[in-house]
Each structure stands twice: as structure tokens, then as C-alpha cells.
Amino acid sequence: MELDHKPGVEDLKAAAWKEARRDGIFAGLTSGLAGALVGSKFMGFGRNKTIISGALTGLLSGYFFTQAFLSSNMARLRSKSVSSDTETDPWPPK
């Protein structure tokens, strides 16, 4: 095992996916809560409809937020990769 282990492409993709899942889960939970609150207070849904609207809102928004965060993280990785490939600094960092 090397001490100077540089993460490979697969490690970076896995980290980007993990971050996107974490952020998507948080976004889904908060929007599901907000959807349930809106359904019960402002739309006058009963208990079952409120639970269903909160669950569907949370699942759908969590999925779409996860996809958006994953796309953003992958774009950030691509830009870092391109910038490190085209770097023209004659003095590399120590």
C-alpha cells in the first residue's frame, strides 16, 4: 500500500455519486416534509392523502435532485481533469 495514493477515476466517480446521493436524500426528505405540510394545511387533505403526497413528493424530488447533483459533480470532475491536462505551469508544485 502506497502512502501517496492518488485517487483514480473510479474512486472520484464513486465519491461524486456518494455526495450526490447524500444531497439528494436530504433534498427529498425536506421536500417530502414540505409537500406533506402543504397537502395537509393548505389543500385540506386527509391523513392518507397527506402521507401519499409527502411520500411521492419526496421520492420524485429526491430522484431529480440526485440526478442534478450527480451531473454537477461529474461536470466539476471533467473541468478539473481538463484543467489539469492543459496546465502550462513550468514549475510543478512540490
N, C-alpha and C. Protein backbone atom coordinates (compact mmCIF):
# COMPACT_ATOMS: atom_id res chain seq x y z
N MET A 1 0.84 -1.18 0.00
CA MET A 1 0.00 0.00 0.00
C MET A 1 0.88 1.25 0.00
N GLU A 2 0.59 2.16 -0.91
CA GLU A 2 1.38 3.39 -1.01
C GLU A 2 0.81 4.46 -0.10
N LEU A 3 1.70 5.28 0.39
CA LEU A 3 1.24 6.41 1.20
C LEU A 3 0.76 7.55 0.32
N ASP A 4 1.30 7.66 -0.87
CA ASP A 4 0.94 8.74 -1.78
C ASP A 4 -0.13 8.28 -2.76
N HIS A 5 -1.14 7.60 -2.27
CA HIS A 5 -2.19 7.08 -3.14
C HIS A 5 -2.99 8.24 -3.72
N LYS A 6 -2.99 8.33 -5.05
CA LYS A 6 -3.81 9.33 -5.72
C LYS A 6 -5.09 8.63 -6.17
N PRO A 7 -6.23 9.25 -5.89
CA PRO A 7 -7.48 8.58 -6.26
C PRO A 7 -7.61 8.46 -7.77
N GLY A 8 -8.06 7.30 -8.21
CA GLY A 8 -8.26 7.06 -9.62
C GLY A 8 -9.60 7.61 -10.07
N VAL A 9 -9.86 7.43 -11.34
CA VAL A 9 -11.10 7.94 -11.92
C VAL A 9 -12.31 7.27 -11.27
N GLU A 10 -12.23 5.97 -11.05
CA GLU A 10 -13.36 5.26 -10.45
C GLU A 10 -13.61 5.71 -9.01
N ASP A 11 -12.54 5.99 -8.28
CA ASP A 11 -12.70 6.48 -6.90
C ASP A 11 -13.38 7.85 -6.89
N LEU A 12 -12.98 8.71 -7.83
CA LEU A 12 -13.57 10.04 -7.90
C LEU A 12 -15.04 9.96 -8.31
N LYS A 13 -15.36 9.07 -9.26
CA LYS A 13 -16.76 8.90 -9.66
C LYS A 13 -17.59 8.36 -8.50
N ALA A 14 -17.03 7.43 -7.75
CA ALA A 14 -17.76 6.87 -6.60
C ALA A 14 -18.01 7.94 -5.55
N ALA A 15 -17.02 8.80 -5.33
CA ALA A 15 -17.19 9.88 -4.36
C ALA A 15 -18.24 10.88 -4.84
N ALA A 16 -18.24 11.18 -6.15
CA ALA A 16 -19.23 12.10 -6.70
C ALA A 16 -20.63 11.52 -6.57
N TRP A 17 -20.77 10.21 -6.82
CA TRP A 17 -22.07 9.54 -6.70
C TRP A 17 -22.53 9.53 -5.25
N LYS A 18 -21.59 9.30 -4.32
CA LYS A 18 -21.94 9.26 -2.90
C LYS A 18 -22.41 10.64 -2.42
N GLU A 19 -21.72 11.69 -2.85
CA GLU A 19 -22.13 13.05 -2.48
C GLU A 19 -23.49 13.39 -3.07
N ALA A 20 -23.71 12.99 -4.31
CA ALA A 20 -24.99 13.28 -4.96
C ALA A 20 -26.13 12.55 -4.26
N ARG A 21 -25.91 11.29 -3.85
CA ARG A 21 -26.93 10.56 -3.12
C ARG A 21 -27.24 11.21 -1.78
N ARG A 22 -26.18 11.63 -1.07
CA ARG A 22 -26.39 12.27 0.23
C ARG A 22 -27.22 13.54 0.07
N ASP A 23 -26.84 14.38 -0.88
CA ASP A 23 -27.57 15.63 -1.08
C ASP A 23 -28.98 15.39 -1.61
N GLY A 24 -29.14 14.38 -2.47
CA GLY A 24 -30.47 14.06 -2.99
C GLY A 24 -31.40 13.53 -1.92
N ILE A 25 -30.87 12.73 -1.02
CA ILE A 25 -31.69 12.21 0.09
C ILE A 25 -32.15 13.35 0.98
N PHE A 26 -31.24 14.26 1.29
CA PHE A 26 -31.61 15.40 2.13
C PHE A 26 -32.66 16.26 1.43
N ALA A 27 -32.48 16.52 0.13
CA ALA A 27 -33.44 17.32 -0.62
C ALA A 27 -34.79 16.61 -0.69
N GLY A 28 -34.78 15.29 -0.87
CA GLY A 28 -36.02 14.55 -0.93
C GLY A 28 -36.77 14.55 0.39
N LEU A 29 -36.04 14.40 1.48
CA LEU A 29 -36.69 14.41 2.79
C LEU A 29 -37.31 15.77 3.10
N THR A 30 -36.57 16.83 2.82
CA THR A 30 -37.11 18.15 3.12
C THR A 30 -38.28 18.50 2.22
N SER A 31 -38.21 18.15 0.92
CA SER A 31 -39.36 18.45 0.07
C SER A 31 -40.54 17.56 0.37
N GLY A 32 -40.30 16.33 0.78
CA GLY A 32 -41.41 15.48 1.19
C GLY A 32 -42.13 16.04 2.40
N LEU A 33 -41.35 16.54 3.34
CA LEU A 33 -41.96 17.17 4.51
C LEU A 33 -42.75 18.40 4.12
N ALA A 34 -42.17 19.22 3.24
CA ALA A 34 -42.87 20.42 2.79
C ALA A 34 -44.13 20.04 2.01
N GLY A 35 -44.06 19.01 1.17
CA GLY A 35 -45.22 18.57 0.41
C GLY A 35 -46.34 18.06 1.31
N ALA A 36 -45.97 17.34 2.34
CA ALA A 36 -46.97 16.84 3.29
C ALA A 36 -47.61 18.00 4.06
N LEU A 37 -46.79 18.97 4.42
CA LEU A 37 -47.31 20.13 5.15
C LEU A 37 -48.26 20.94 4.29
N VAL A 38 -47.88 21.17 3.04
CA VAL A 38 -48.75 21.89 2.12
C VAL A 38 -50.04 21.11 1.87
N GLY A 39 -49.91 19.79 1.70
CA GLY A 39 -51.09 18.97 1.47
C GLY A 39 -52.07 18.99 2.62
N SER A 40 -51.56 18.98 3.83
CA SER A 40 -52.46 18.92 4.98
C SER A 40 -53.02 20.29 5.36
N LYS A 41 -52.19 21.30 5.35
CA LYS A 41 -52.64 22.61 5.83
C LYS A 41 -53.36 23.42 4.76
N PHE A 42 -52.79 23.50 3.56
CA PHE A 42 -53.34 24.40 2.56
C PHE A 42 -54.34 23.72 1.62
N MET A 43 -54.17 22.43 1.37
CA MET A 43 -55.08 21.74 0.45
C MET A 43 -56.15 20.94 1.19
N GLY A 44 -56.02 20.82 2.48
CA GLY A 44 -57.02 20.16 3.28
C GLY A 44 -57.12 18.66 3.07
N PHE A 45 -56.01 18.01 2.71
CA PHE A 45 -56.00 16.57 2.52
C PHE A 45 -56.20 15.88 3.86
N GLY A 46 -56.76 14.70 3.80
CA GLY A 46 -56.88 13.86 4.98
C GLY A 46 -55.54 13.21 5.28
N ARG A 47 -55.54 12.33 6.27
CA ARG A 47 -54.30 11.70 6.72
C ARG A 47 -53.64 10.87 5.62
N ASN A 48 -54.40 10.02 4.95
CA ASN A 48 -53.82 9.13 3.94
C ASN A 48 -53.31 9.90 2.72
N LYS A 49 -54.10 10.86 2.26
CA LYS A 49 -53.66 11.66 1.10
C LYS A 49 -52.43 12.49 1.44
N THR A 50 -52.35 12.97 2.66
CA THR A 50 -51.18 13.74 3.08
C THR A 50 -49.93 12.87 3.08
N ILE A 51 -50.05 11.65 3.59
CA ILE A 51 -48.90 10.73 3.62
C ILE A 51 -48.47 10.38 2.20
N ILE A 52 -49.43 10.09 1.34
CA ILE A 52 -49.11 9.74 -0.05
C ILE A 52 -48.49 10.93 -0.79
N SER A 53 -49.02 12.12 -0.60
CA SER A 53 -48.46 13.29 -1.29
C SER A 53 -47.06 13.60 -0.79
N GLY A 54 -46.83 13.46 0.51
CA GLY A 54 -45.49 13.69 1.05
C GLY A 54 -44.49 12.67 0.54
N ALA A 55 -44.91 11.39 0.49
CA ALA A 55 -44.01 10.33 0.02
C ALA A 55 -43.69 10.50 -1.46
N LEU A 56 -44.69 10.76 -2.28
CA LEU A 56 -44.44 10.95 -3.71
C LEU A 56 -43.60 12.19 -3.99
N THR A 57 -43.89 13.26 -3.28
CA THR A 57 -43.10 14.47 -3.46
C THR A 57 -41.65 14.22 -3.07
N GLY A 58 -41.44 13.55 -1.96
CA GLY A 58 -40.08 13.27 -1.51
C GLY A 58 -39.33 12.35 -2.45
N LEU A 59 -39.99 11.30 -2.93
CA LEU A 59 -39.33 10.36 -3.84
C LEU A 59 -38.96 11.03 -5.16
N LEU A 60 -39.91 11.73 -5.75
CA LEU A 60 -39.64 12.35 -7.05
C LEU A 60 -38.60 13.46 -6.96
N SER A 61 -38.74 14.32 -5.97
CA SER A 61 -37.77 15.41 -5.87
C SER A 61 -36.40 14.88 -5.47
N GLY A 62 -36.36 13.86 -4.62
CA GLY A 62 -35.08 13.26 -4.27
C GLY A 62 -34.39 12.66 -5.47
N TYR A 63 -35.15 11.97 -6.33
CA TYR A 63 -34.58 11.39 -7.55
C TYR A 63 -34.03 12.48 -8.47
N PHE A 64 -34.83 13.50 -8.73
CA PHE A 64 -34.39 14.53 -9.66
C PHE A 64 -33.24 15.37 -9.10
N PHE A 65 -33.27 15.64 -7.81
CA PHE A 65 -32.15 16.36 -7.20
C PHE A 65 -30.88 15.52 -7.24
N THR A 66 -30.99 14.21 -7.02
CA THR A 66 -29.82 13.35 -7.09
C THR A 66 -29.23 13.37 -8.49
N GLN A 67 -30.07 13.30 -9.51
CA GLN A 67 -29.58 13.35 -10.88
C GLN A 67 -28.90 14.69 -11.18
N ALA A 68 -29.48 15.78 -10.69
CA ALA A 68 -28.88 17.09 -10.92
C ALA A 68 -27.55 17.23 -10.19
N PHE A 69 -27.49 16.78 -8.94
CA PHE A 69 -26.23 16.87 -8.20
C PHE A 69 -25.16 15.97 -8.83
N LEU A 70 -25.55 14.79 -9.31
CA LEU A 70 -24.60 13.90 -9.96
C LEU A 70 -24.06 14.54 -11.24
N SER A 71 -24.92 15.15 -12.00
CA SER A 71 -24.49 15.82 -13.23
C SER A 71 -23.53 16.97 -12.91
N SER A 72 -23.85 17.71 -11.87
CA SER A 72 -22.99 18.82 -11.45
C SER A 72 -21.63 18.33 -10.97
N ASN A 73 -21.63 17.26 -10.18
CA ASN A 73 -20.37 16.72 -9.67
C ASN A 73 -19.51 16.16 -10.80
N MET A 74 -20.13 15.48 -11.77
CA MET A 74 -19.37 14.94 -12.90
C MET A 74 -18.80 16.06 -13.77
N ALA A 75 -19.57 17.13 -13.95
CA ALA A 75 -19.06 18.27 -14.72
C ALA A 75 -17.88 18.92 -14.00
N ARG A 76 -17.95 18.99 -12.68
CA ARG A 76 -16.83 19.54 -11.92
C ARG A 76 -15.59 18.66 -12.06
N LEU A 77 -15.78 17.33 -12.04
CA LEU A 77 -14.65 16.42 -12.23
C LEU A 77 -14.05 16.57 -13.63
N ARG A 78 -14.92 16.69 -14.64
CA ARG A 78 -14.42 16.86 -16.02
C ARG A 78 -13.64 18.16 -16.16
N SER A 79 -14.12 19.23 -15.54
CA SER A 79 -13.41 20.50 -15.66
C SER A 79 -12.06 20.46 -14.94
N LYS A 80 -12.02 19.75 -13.80
CA LYS A 80 -10.74 19.59 -13.11
C LYS A 80 -9.78 18.76 -13.94
N SER A 81 -10.30 17.73 -14.59
CA SER A 81 -9.48 16.87 -15.43
C SER A 81 -8.92 17.64 -16.61
N VAL A 82 -9.76 18.44 -17.26
CA VAL A 82 -9.31 19.22 -18.41
C VAL A 82 -8.31 20.28 -17.99
N SER A 83 -8.56 20.93 -16.87
CA SER A 83 -7.64 21.98 -16.42
C SER A 83 -6.30 21.39 -15.99
N SER A 84 -6.31 20.19 -15.41
CA SER A 84 -5.03 19.59 -15.01
C SER A 84 -4.28 19.05 -16.23
N ASP A 85 -5.01 18.65 -17.29
CA ASP A 85 -4.36 18.17 -18.50
C ASP A 85 -3.75 19.31 -19.31
N THR A 86 -4.33 20.47 -19.25
CA THR A 86 -3.86 21.59 -20.06
C THR A 86 -3.06 22.61 -19.26
N GLU A 87 -2.66 22.22 -18.09
CA GLU A 87 -1.88 23.14 -17.25
C GLU A 87 -0.53 23.42 -17.90
N THR A 88 -0.13 24.70 -17.92
CA THR A 88 1.12 25.09 -18.57
C THR A 88 2.13 25.66 -17.59
N ASP A 89 1.94 25.39 -16.33
CA ASP A 89 2.87 25.90 -15.33
C ASP A 89 4.21 25.17 -15.43
N PRO A 90 5.31 25.91 -15.70
CA PRO A 90 6.60 25.23 -15.84
C PRO A 90 7.15 24.75 -14.51
N TRP A 91 6.64 25.27 -13.40
CA TRP A 91 7.13 24.89 -12.08
C TRP A 91 6.05 24.10 -11.37
N PRO A 92 6.11 22.78 -11.40
CA PRO A 92 5.08 21.99 -10.72
C PRO A 92 5.15 22.18 -9.22
N PRO A 93 4.02 22.02 -8.53
CA PRO A 93 4.04 22.16 -7.07
C PRO A 93 4.87 21.06 -6.43
N LYS A 94 5.46 21.41 -5.28
CA LYS A 94 6.34 20.46 -4.58
C LYS A 94 5.56 19.53 -3.73
